[in-house]
């Protein structure tokens, strides 16, 4: 028993050493290619940022971690899981763009965490639908701004994102994802027994299939109105993203449009923020 316990400790230590080396390798990559990576990040974000936007943002490199990159609530920091990136400048740049855009979305949105908590106390079901819409806006917008199609390279991280995006951005997949997004939204809005955490996990964790509903919407908004339309949405309620897309649908029936019931839920959620 003692030898077995010691063996387990040794294995954990070896794993920890490996994770620590991953973090060192990522920091070395940042040192080596910092100018190229940061220049690329700035070029990709510039069309989507208000001219006067300024912020101090800290980036933490983790020796471990579940998601490749992530943020917390209303913080101005983001985190990178070193072992999921490798020596992959293009993949690292994509992740930084995606997470930085989340920080900017959170900083500029009028739907603060405290406002969301106030709404949930009075309108518990409606607030869950609103949170679902907010996630669709946040992840869809960030996925469009950090569009994997705009990156070249064959590293493990960029390859993963390209393959995942290719899988979800076929037209027939978009149709399935729109149906799933609407079904979850309706369930959250109408069923007090629905588990919001499970629905979030199904749509917005792992490879995030529902990211690509908002991706499609942002793509069509920018195609019609330019990057400035995406930039203007940063300071508006997240429901404005859906309302703007609804306007495009009314003018172009070839787009994938939401059902009238979904449209009414979106309008109801928007009313909570007036």
C-alpha atoms as a PDB file:
ATOM      1  CA  UNK A   1       0.000   0.000   0.000  1.00  0.00           C
ATOM      2  CA  UNK A   2       2.817   2.354   0.835  1.00  0.00           C
ATOM      3  CA  UNK A   3       4.648   1.698  -2.425  1.00  0.00           C
ATOM      4  CA  UNK A   4       1.435   2.133  -4.380  1.00  0.00           C
ATOM      5  CA  UNK A   5       0.724   5.456  -2.692  1.00  0.00           C
ATOM      6  CA  UNK A   6       4.260   6.633  -3.368  1.00  0.00           C
ATOM      7  CA  UNK A   7       3.869   5.625  -7.010  1.00  0.00           C
ATOM      8  CA  UNK A   8       0.723   7.685  -7.300  1.00  0.00           C
ATOM      9  CA  UNK A   9       2.502  10.700  -5.876  1.00  0.00           C
ATOM     10  CA  UNK A  10       5.368  10.259  -8.333  1.00  0.00           C
ATOM     11  CA  UNK A  11       2.954  10.074 -11.252  1.00  0.00           C
ATOM     12  CA  UNK A  12       1.213  13.237 -10.133  1.00  0.00           C
ATOM     13  CA  UNK A  13       4.539  15.000  -9.800  1.00  0.00           C
ATOM     14  CA  UNK A  14       5.527  13.934 -13.305  1.00  0.00           C
ATOM     15  CA  UNK A  15       2.228  15.275 -14.633  1.00  0.00           C
ATOM     16  CA  UNK A  16       2.753  18.556 -12.792  1.00  0.00           C
ATOM     17  CA  UNK A  17       6.269  18.897 -14.220  1.00  0.00           C
ATOM     18  CA  UNK A  18       4.892  18.286 -17.712  1.00  0.00           C
ATOM     19  CA  UNK A  19       2.200  20.931 -17.240  1.00  0.00           C
ATOM     20  CA  UNK A  20       4.754  23.384 -15.935  1.00  0.00           C
ATOM     21  CA  UNK A  21       6.886  22.773 -19.023  1.00  0.00           C
ATOM     22  CA  UNK A  22       3.841  23.489 -21.202  1.00  0.00           C
ATOM     23  CA  UNK A  23       3.489  26.866 -19.510  1.00  0.00           C
ATOM     24  CA  UNK A  24       7.191  27.606 -19.982  1.00  0.00           C
ATOM     25  CA  UNK A  25       6.928  26.656 -23.664  1.00  0.00           C
ATOM     26  CA  UNK A  26       3.963  28.990 -24.167  1.00  0.00           C
ATOM     27  CA  UNK A  27       5.775  31.863 -22.464  1.00  0.00           C
ATOM     28  CA  UNK A  28       8.772  31.166 -24.712  1.00  0.00           C
ATOM     29  CA  UNK A  29       6.455  31.317 -27.740  1.00  0.00           C
ATOM     30  CA  UNK A  30       5.123  34.665 -26.541  1.00  0.00           C
ATOM     31  CA  UNK A  31       8.656  35.979 -26.105  1.00  0.00           C
ATOM     32  CA  UNK A  32       9.755  34.695 -29.497  1.00  0.00           C
ATOM     33  CA  UNK A  33       6.802  35.853 -31.595  1.00  0.00           C
ATOM     34  CA  UNK A  34       5.337  38.628 -29.439  1.00  0.00           C
ATOM     35  CA  UNK A  35       5.570  41.319 -32.125  1.00  0.00           C
ATOM     36  CA  UNK A  36       3.911  39.199 -34.788  1.00  0.00           C
ATOM     37  CA  UNK A  37       1.184  37.887 -32.472  1.00  0.00           C
ATOM     38  CA  UNK A  38       0.291  41.227 -30.872  1.00  0.00           C
ATOM     39  CA  UNK A  39       0.416  42.959 -34.257  1.00  0.00           C
ATOM     40  CA  UNK A  40      -1.986  40.378 -35.647  1.00  0.00           C
ATOM     41  CA  UNK A  41      -4.296  40.729 -32.653  1.00  0.00           C
ATOM     42  CA  UNK A  42      -4.412  44.519 -33.042  1.00  0.00           C
ATOM     43  CA  UNK A  43      -5.092  44.318 -36.776  1.00  0.00           C
ATOM     44  CA  UNK A  44      -7.953  41.869 -36.348  1.00  0.00           C
ATOM     45  CA  UNK A  45      -9.589  43.713 -33.456  1.00  0.00           C
ATOM     46  CA  UNK A  46      -9.164  47.259 -34.791  1.00  0.00           C
ATOM     47  CA  UNK A  47     -12.278  47.309 -37.049  1.00  0.00           C
ATOM     48  CA  UNK A  48     -14.460  46.225 -34.141  1.00  0.00           C
ATOM     49  CA  UNK A  49     -13.233  48.560 -31.376  1.00  0.00           C
ATOM     50  CA  UNK A  50     -14.456  52.050 -30.482  1.00  0.00           C
ATOM     51  CA  UNK A  51     -11.734  54.564 -31.351  1.00  0.00           C
ATOM     52  CA  UNK A  52     -11.439  55.750 -27.744  1.00  0.00           C
ATOM     53  CA  UNK A  53     -11.429  52.316 -26.084  1.00  0.00           C
ATOM     54  CA  UNK A  54      -8.643  51.810 -23.531  1.00  0.00           C
ATOM     55  CA  UNK A  55      -8.152  49.139 -20.895  1.00  0.00           C
ATOM     56  CA  UNK A  56      -5.457  47.469 -18.833  1.00  0.00           C
ATOM     57  CA  UNK A  57      -5.732  43.726 -19.330  1.00  0.00           C
ATOM     58  CA  UNK A  58      -3.663  41.028 -17.647  1.00  0.00           C
ATOM     59  CA  UNK A  59      -3.123  37.664 -19.348  1.00  0.00           C
ATOM     60  CA  UNK A  60      -2.443  34.633 -17.166  1.00  0.00           C
ATOM     61  CA  UNK A  61      -0.733  31.529 -18.512  1.00  0.00           C
ATOM     62  CA  UNK A  62      -1.920  28.476 -16.574  1.00  0.00           C
ATOM     63  CA  UNK A  63      -0.047  25.215 -16.140  1.00  0.00           C
ATOM     64  CA  UNK A  64      -3.292  23.306 -16.679  1.00  0.00           C
ATOM     65  CA  UNK A  65      -6.908  24.301 -17.162  1.00  0.00           C
ATOM     66  CA  UNK A  66      -9.965  22.884 -18.918  1.00  0.00           C
ATOM     67  CA  UNK A  67     -10.707  25.437 -21.655  1.00  0.00           C
ATOM     68  CA  UNK A  68      -8.084  26.753 -24.045  1.00  0.00           C
ATOM     69  CA  UNK A  69      -8.911  30.321 -23.064  1.00  0.00           C
ATOM     70  CA  UNK A  70     -11.495  31.815 -20.717  1.00  0.00           C
ATOM     71  CA  UNK A  71     -12.594  34.855 -18.737  1.00  0.00           C
ATOM     72  CA  UNK A  72     -14.491  35.267 -15.469  1.00  0.00           C
ATOM     73  CA  UNK A  73     -17.645  37.356 -15.056  1.00  0.00           C
ATOM     74  CA  UNK A  74     -16.805  41.052 -15.268  1.00  0.00           C
ATOM     75  CA  UNK A  75     -13.051  40.770 -14.865  1.00  0.00           C
ATOM     76  CA  UNK A  76     -10.641  42.515 -17.200  1.00  0.00           C
ATOM     77  CA  UNK A  77      -8.262  39.548 -17.299  1.00  0.00           C
ATOM     78  CA  UNK A  78      -8.208  36.370 -19.318  1.00  0.00           C
ATOM     79  CA  UNK A  79      -6.518  33.015 -18.958  1.00  0.00           C
ATOM     80  CA  UNK A  80      -4.714  30.624 -21.292  1.00  0.00           C
ATOM     81  CA  UNK A  81      -4.356  26.888 -20.626  1.00  0.00           C
ATOM     82  CA  UNK A  82      -0.818  26.216 -21.825  1.00  0.00           C
ATOM     83  CA  UNK A  83      -1.124  22.475 -22.394  1.00  0.00           C
ATOM     84  CA  UNK A  84      -3.904  22.993 -24.973  1.00  0.00           C
ATOM     85  CA  UNK A  85      -1.956  25.345 -27.245  1.00  0.00           C
ATOM     86  CA  UNK A  86       1.556  24.110 -28.022  1.00  0.00           C
ATOM     87  CA  UNK A  87       3.959  25.861 -30.369  1.00  0.00           C
ATOM     88  CA  UNK A  88       1.205  27.425 -32.454  1.00  0.00           C
ATOM     89  CA  UNK A  89       1.409  31.214 -33.055  1.00  0.00           C
ATOM     90  CA  UNK A  90      -1.716  31.300 -35.238  1.00  0.00           C
ATOM     91  CA  UNK A  91      -3.746  29.342 -32.684  1.00  0.00           C
ATOM     92  CA  UNK A  92      -2.527  31.545 -29.866  1.00  0.00           C
ATOM     93  CA  UNK A  93      -3.419  34.705 -31.802  1.00  0.00           C
ATOM     94  CA  UNK A  94      -6.935  33.397 -32.475  1.00  0.00           C
ATOM     95  CA  UNK A  95      -7.494  32.600 -28.801  1.00  0.00           C
ATOM     96  CA  UNK A  96      -6.231  36.010 -27.694  1.00  0.00           C
ATOM     97  CA  UNK A  97      -8.522  37.780 -30.172  1.00  0.00           C
ATOM     98  CA  UNK A  98     -11.511  35.721 -29.012  1.00  0.00           C
ATOM     99  CA  UNK A  99     -10.883  36.277 -25.302  1.00  0.00           C
ATOM    100  CA  UNK A 100      -9.982  39.948 -25.678  1.00  0.00           C
ATOM    101  CA  UNK A 101     -13.223  40.529 -27.513  1.00  0.00           C
ATOM    102  CA  UNK A 102     -15.053  38.928 -24.580  1.00  0.00           C
ATOM    103  CA  UNK A 103     -13.328  41.336 -22.192  1.00  0.00           C
ATOM    104  CA  UNK A 104     -14.380  44.265 -24.381  1.00  0.00           C
ATOM    105  CA  UNK A 105     -17.965  42.982 -24.704  1.00  0.00           C
ATOM    106  CA  UNK A 106     -18.216  42.661 -20.943  1.00  0.00           C
ATOM    107  CA  UNK A 107     -16.698  46.090 -20.315  1.00  0.00           C
ATOM    108  CA  UNK A 108     -19.065  47.915 -22.681  1.00  0.00           C
ATOM    109  CA  UNK A 109     -22.376  46.074 -22.319  1.00  0.00           C
ATOM    110  CA  UNK A 110     -25.118  47.805 -20.328  1.00  0.00           C
ATOM    111  CA  UNK A 111     -26.250  44.377 -19.070  1.00  0.00           C
ATOM    112  CA  UNK A 112     -23.962  44.172 -16.059  1.00  0.00           C
ATOM    113  CA  UNK A 113     -23.891  41.230 -13.680  1.00  0.00           C
ATOM    114  CA  UNK A 114     -25.660  43.258 -10.976  1.00  0.00           C
ATOM    115  CA  UNK A 115     -28.388  44.272 -13.444  1.00  0.00           C
ATOM    116  CA  UNK A 116     -28.833  40.646 -14.444  1.00  0.00           C
ATOM    117  CA  UNK A 117     -29.178  39.634 -10.802  1.00  0.00           C
ATOM    118  CA  UNK A 118     -31.842  42.318 -10.266  1.00  0.00           C
ATOM    119  CA  UNK A 119     -33.831  41.048 -13.241  1.00  0.00           C
ATOM    120  CA  UNK A 120     -33.579  37.409 -12.141  1.00  0.00           C
ATOM    121  CA  UNK A 121     -35.124  38.195  -8.741  1.00  0.00           C
ATOM    122  CA  UNK A 122     -38.279  39.601 -10.341  1.00  0.00           C
ATOM    123  CA  UNK A 123     -38.396  37.643 -13.615  1.00  0.00           C
ATOM    124  CA  UNK A 124     -36.647  34.303 -13.008  1.00  0.00           C
ATOM    125  CA  UNK A 125     -37.723  32.533 -16.210  1.00  0.00           C
ATOM    126  CA  UNK A 126     -37.316  35.559 -18.434  1.00  0.00           C
ATOM    127  CA  UNK A 127     -33.847  36.197 -17.032  1.00  0.00           C
ATOM    128  CA  UNK A 128     -32.754  32.687 -18.004  1.00  0.00           C
ATOM    129  CA  UNK A 129     -33.887  33.314 -21.568  1.00  0.00           C
ATOM    130  CA  UNK A 130     -32.033  36.628 -21.499  1.00  0.00           C
ATOM    131  CA  UNK A 131     -28.855  34.880 -20.308  1.00  0.00           C
ATOM    132  CA  UNK A 132     -29.165  32.407 -23.199  1.00  0.00           C
ATOM    133  CA  UNK A 133     -29.432  35.287 -25.657  1.00  0.00           C
ATOM    134  CA  UNK A 134     -26.469  37.020 -24.011  1.00  0.00           C
ATOM    135  CA  UNK A 135     -24.351  33.870 -24.390  1.00  0.00           C
ATOM    136  CA  UNK A 136     -25.383  33.608 -28.035  1.00  0.00           C
ATOM    137  CA  UNK A 137     -24.339  37.205 -28.625  1.00  0.00           C
ATOM    138  CA  UNK A 138     -21.045  36.977 -26.707  1.00  0.00           C
ATOM    139  CA  UNK A 139     -19.812  33.704 -28.152  1.00  0.00           C
ATOM    140  CA  UNK A 140     -21.130  34.314 -31.640  1.00  0.00           C
ATOM    141  CA  UNK A 141     -19.606  37.774 -31.856  1.00  0.00           C
ATOM    142  CA  UNK A 142     -16.230  36.645 -30.530  1.00  0.00           C
ATOM    143  CA  UNK A 143     -16.180  33.605 -32.830  1.00  0.00           C
ATOM    144  CA  UNK A 144     -16.871  35.806 -35.842  1.00  0.00           C
ATOM    145  CA  UNK A 145     -14.202  38.370 -34.936  1.00  0.00           C
ATOM    146  CA  UNK A 146     -11.726  35.498 -34.350  1.00  0.00           C
ATOM    147  CA  UNK A 147     -12.870  33.657 -37.484  1.00  0.00           C
ATOM    148  CA  UNK A 148     -10.593  30.636 -37.955  1.00  0.00           C
ATOM    149  CA  UNK A 149     -10.871  30.981 -41.736  1.00  0.00           C
ATOM    150  CA  UNK A 150      -8.758  34.141 -41.487  1.00  0.00           C
ATOM    151  CA  UNK A 151      -5.753  32.252 -40.093  1.00  0.00           C
ATOM    152  CA  UNK A 152      -3.152  30.099 -41.753  1.00  0.00           C
ATOM    153  CA  UNK A 153      -0.958  27.531 -40.066  1.00  0.00           C
ATOM    154  CA  UNK A 154      -0.967  23.840 -39.201  1.00  0.00           C
ATOM    155  CA  UNK A 155      -0.361  23.887 -35.456  1.00  0.00           C
ATOM    156  CA  UNK A 156      -2.574  21.772 -33.194  1.00  0.00           C
ATOM    157  CA  UNK A 157      -4.699  24.623 -31.852  1.00  0.00           C
ATOM    158  CA  UNK A 158      -5.448  26.381 -35.126  1.00  0.00           C
ATOM    159  CA  UNK A 159      -6.119  23.002 -36.757  1.00  0.00           C
ATOM    160  CA  UNK A 160      -8.621  22.136 -34.020  1.00  0.00           C
ATOM    161  CA  UNK A 161     -10.493  25.419 -34.426  1.00  0.00           C
ATOM    162  CA  UNK A 162     -10.487  25.202 -38.218  1.00  0.00           C
ATOM    163  CA  UNK A 163     -11.851  21.658 -38.196  1.00  0.00           C
ATOM    164  CA  UNK A 164     -14.474  22.499 -35.581  1.00  0.00           C
ATOM    165  CA  UNK A 165     -15.573  25.616 -37.460  1.00  0.00           C
ATOM    166  CA  UNK A 166     -15.652  23.767 -40.794  1.00  0.00           C
ATOM    167  CA  UNK A 167     -17.927  21.182 -39.220  1.00  0.00           C
ATOM    168  CA  UNK A 168     -20.416  23.689 -37.863  1.00  0.00           C
ATOM    169  CA  UNK A 169     -20.465  26.266 -40.640  1.00  0.00           C
ATOM    170  CA  UNK A 170     -22.001  24.101 -43.345  1.00  0.00           C
ATOM    171  CA  UNK A 171     -25.470  25.358 -44.253  1.00  0.00           C
ATOM    172  CA  UNK A 172     -27.273  22.218 -43.100  1.00  0.00           C
ATOM    173  CA  UNK A 173     -25.468  22.446 -39.750  1.00  0.00           C
ATOM    174  CA  UNK A 174     -26.480  26.073 -39.335  1.00  0.00           C
ATOM    175  CA  UNK A 175     -30.106  24.990 -39.756  1.00  0.00           C
ATOM    176  CA  UNK A 176     -29.751  22.384 -37.014  1.00  0.00           C
ATOM    177  CA  UNK A 177     -28.043  24.831 -34.689  1.00  0.00           C
ATOM    178  CA  UNK A 178     -30.743  27.476 -35.152  1.00  0.00           C
ATOM    179  CA  UNK A 179     -33.387  24.892 -34.249  1.00  0.00           C
ATOM    180  CA  UNK A 180     -31.423  23.835 -31.146  1.00  0.00           C
ATOM    181  CA  UNK A 181     -30.879  27.433 -30.070  1.00  0.00           C
ATOM    182  CA  UNK A 182     -34.593  28.174 -30.360  1.00  0.00           C
ATOM    183  CA  UNK A 183     -35.614  24.991 -28.555  1.00  0.00           C
ATOM    184  CA  UNK A 184     -33.333  25.762 -25.608  1.00  0.00           C
ATOM    185  CA  UNK A 185     -34.515  29.365 -25.515  1.00  0.00           C
ATOM    186  CA  UNK A 186     -38.167  28.308 -25.421  1.00  0.00           C
ATOM    187  CA  UNK A 187     -37.484  25.726 -22.715  1.00  0.00           C
ATOM    188  CA  UNK A 188     -35.667  28.234 -20.514  1.00  0.00           C
ATOM    189  CA  UNK A 189     -38.431  30.790 -21.000  1.00  0.00           C
ATOM    190  CA  UNK A 190     -41.372  28.489 -20.319  1.00  0.00           C
ATOM    191  CA  UNK A 191     -40.261  25.557 -18.171  1.00  0.00           C
ATOM    192  CA  UNK A 192     -39.314  26.323 -14.548  1.00  0.00           C
ATOM    193  CA  UNK A 193     -38.016  22.742 -14.192  1.00  0.00           C
ATOM    194  CA  UNK A 194     -35.530  23.069 -17.048  1.00  0.00           C
ATOM    195  CA  UNK A 195     -31.917  22.885 -15.848  1.00  0.00           C
ATOM    196  CA  UNK A 196     -30.231  26.052 -17.115  1.00  0.00           C
ATOM    197  CA  UNK A 197     -26.757  24.752 -16.276  1.00  0.00           C
ATOM    198  CA  UNK A 198     -27.250  21.605 -18.367  1.00  0.00           C
ATOM    199  CA  UNK A 199     -28.575  23.681 -21.255  1.00  0.00           C
ATOM    200  CA  UNK A 200     -25.586  25.993 -21.023  1.00  0.00           C
ATOM    201  CA  UNK A 201     -23.239  23.003 -21.007  1.00  0.00           C
ATOM    202  CA  UNK A 202     -24.946  21.490 -24.044  1.00  0.00           C
ATOM    203  CA  UNK A 203     -24.693  24.691 -26.066  1.00  0.00           C
ATOM    204  CA  UNK A 204     -21.706  26.680 -24.901  1.00  0.00           C
ATOM    205  CA  UNK A 205     -19.111  24.312 -23.467  1.00  0.00           C
ATOM    206  CA  UNK A 206     -16.507  22.067 -25.097  1.00  0.00           C
ATOM    207  CA  UNK A 207     -16.535  22.956 -28.803  1.00  0.00           C
ATOM    208  CA  UNK A 208     -19.573  25.201 -28.271  1.00  0.00           C
ATOM    209  CA  UNK A 209     -21.996  24.206 -31.069  1.00  0.00           C
ATOM    210  CA  UNK A 210     -24.276  27.164 -30.359  1.00  0.00           C
ATOM    211  CA  UNK A 211     -21.390  29.586 -30.845  1.00  0.00           C
ATOM    212  CA  UNK A 212     -22.140  29.299 -34.526  1.00  0.00           C
ATOM    213  CA  UNK A 213     -25.684  30.663 -34.383  1.00  0.00           C
ATOM    214  CA  UNK A 214     -24.267  34.026 -33.350  1.00  0.00           C
ATOM    215  CA  UNK A 215     -21.345  33.519 -35.754  1.00  0.00           C
ATOM    216  CA  UNK A 216     -23.822  33.233 -38.651  1.00  0.00           C
ATOM    217  CA  UNK A 217     -25.786  36.261 -37.441  1.00  0.00           C
ATOM    218  CA  UNK A 218     -22.664  38.415 -37.030  1.00  0.00           C
ATOM    219  CA  UNK A 219     -21.434  37.332 -40.461  1.00  0.00           C
ATOM    220  CA  UNK A 220     -24.675  38.404 -42.128  1.00  0.00           C
ATOM    221  CA  UNK A 221     -24.859  41.693 -40.191  1.00  0.00           C
ATOM    222  CA  UNK A 222     -21.311  42.588 -41.206  1.00  0.00           C
ATOM    223  CA  UNK A 223     -21.907  41.495 -44.798  1.00  0.00           C
ATOM    224  CA  UNK A 224     -24.877  43.865 -45.015  1.00  0.00           C
ATOM    225  CA  UNK A 225     -23.797  46.755 -42.797  1.00  0.00           C
ATOM    226  CA  UNK A 226     -20.030  46.485 -42.278  1.00  0.00           C
ATOM    227  CA  UNK A 227     -17.824  45.912 -39.241  1.00  0.00           C
ATOM    228  CA  UNK A 228     -19.049  49.187 -37.760  1.00  0.00           C
ATOM    229  CA  UNK A 229     -22.408  47.544 -37.069  1.00  0.00           C
ATOM    230  CA  UNK A 230     -20.716  44.888 -34.919  1.00  0.00           C
ATOM    231  CA  UNK A 231     -18.742  47.631 -33.158  1.00  0.00           C
ATOM    232  CA  UNK A 232     -21.899  49.661 -32.440  1.00  0.00           C
ATOM    233  CA  UNK A 233     -23.562  46.655 -30.810  1.00  0.00           C
ATOM    234  CA  UNK A 234     -20.898  46.525 -28.094  1.00  0.00           C
ATOM    235  CA  UNK A 235     -22.545  49.351 -26.137  1.00  0.00           C
ATOM    236  CA  UNK A 236     -26.113  48.109 -26.640  1.00  0.00           C
ATOM    237  CA  UNK A 237     -28.139  45.460 -24.849  1.00  0.00           C
ATOM    238  CA  UNK A 238     -27.357  41.938 -26.132  1.00  0.00           C
ATOM    239  CA  UNK A 239     -30.924  41.664 -27.426  1.00  0.00           C
ATOM    240  CA  UNK A 240     -30.072  44.433 -29.933  1.00  0.00           C
ATOM    241  CA  UNK A 241     -27.867  41.898 -31.731  1.00  0.00           C
ATOM    242  CA  UNK A 242     -30.882  39.655 -32.287  1.00  0.00           C
ATOM    243  CA  UNK A 243     -33.189  42.539 -33.173  1.00  0.00           C
ATOM    244  CA  UNK A 244     -30.728  43.778 -35.767  1.00  0.00           C
ATOM    245  CA  UNK A 245     -30.576  40.330 -37.278  1.00  0.00           C
ATOM    246  CA  UNK A 246     -34.379  40.120 -37.226  1.00  0.00           C
ATOM    247  CA  UNK A 247     -34.474  43.277 -39.355  1.00  0.00           C
ATOM    248  CA  UNK A 248     -32.199  41.613 -41.916  1.00  0.00           C
ATOM    249  CA  UNK A 249     -34.468  38.560 -41.958  1.00  0.00           C
ATOM    250  CA  UNK A 250     -37.531  40.660 -42.665  1.00  0.00           C
ATOM    251  CA  UNK A 251     -35.759  42.072 -45.711  1.00  0.00           C
ATOM    252  CA  UNK A 252     -34.119  38.830 -46.877  1.00  0.00           C
ATOM    253  CA  UNK A 253     -36.085  35.608 -46.557  1.00  0.00           C
ATOM    254  CA  UNK A 254     -33.117  33.583 -47.842  1.00  0.00           C
ATOM    255  CA  UNK A 255     -31.479  33.964 -44.435  1.00  0.00           C
ATOM    256  CA  UNK A 256     -32.029  31.485 -41.613  1.00  0.00           C
ATOM    257  CA  UNK A 257     -34.650  33.257 -39.542  1.00  0.00           C
ATOM    258  CA  UNK A 258     -36.131  32.582 -36.135  1.00  0.00           C
ATOM    259  CA  UNK A 259     -39.740  31.557 -35.634  1.00  0.00           C
ATOM    260  CA  UNK A 260     -42.378  34.142 -34.663  1.00  0.00           C
ATOM    261  CA  UNK A 261     -42.426  32.615 -31.161  1.00  0.00           C
ATOM    262  CA  UNK A 262     -38.683  33.126 -30.796  1.00  0.00           C
ATOM    263  CA  UNK A 263     -39.045  36.668 -32.103  1.00  0.00           C
ATOM    264  CA  UNK A 264     -41.625  37.361 -29.387  1.00  0.00           C
ATOM    265  CA  UNK A 265     -39.328  35.958 -26.664  1.00  0.00           C
ATOM    266  CA  UNK A 266     -36.511  38.187 -27.922  1.00  0.00           C
ATOM    267  CA  UNK A 267     -38.803  41.218 -27.786  1.00  0.00           C
ATOM    268  CA  UNK A 268     -39.963  40.251 -24.299  1.00  0.00           C
ATOM    269  CA  UNK A 269     -36.374  39.919 -23.116  1.00  0.00           C
ATOM    270  CA  UNK A 270     -35.511  43.268 -24.677  1.00  0.00           C
ATOM    271  CA  UNK A 271     -38.366  44.835 -22.741  1.00  0.00           C
ATOM    272  CA  UNK A 272     -36.729  43.835 -19.453  1.00  0.00           C
ATOM    273  CA  UNK A 273     -33.798  46.109 -20.278  1.00  0.00           C
ATOM    274  CA  UNK A 274     -35.735  49.243 -21.169  1.00  0.00           C
END
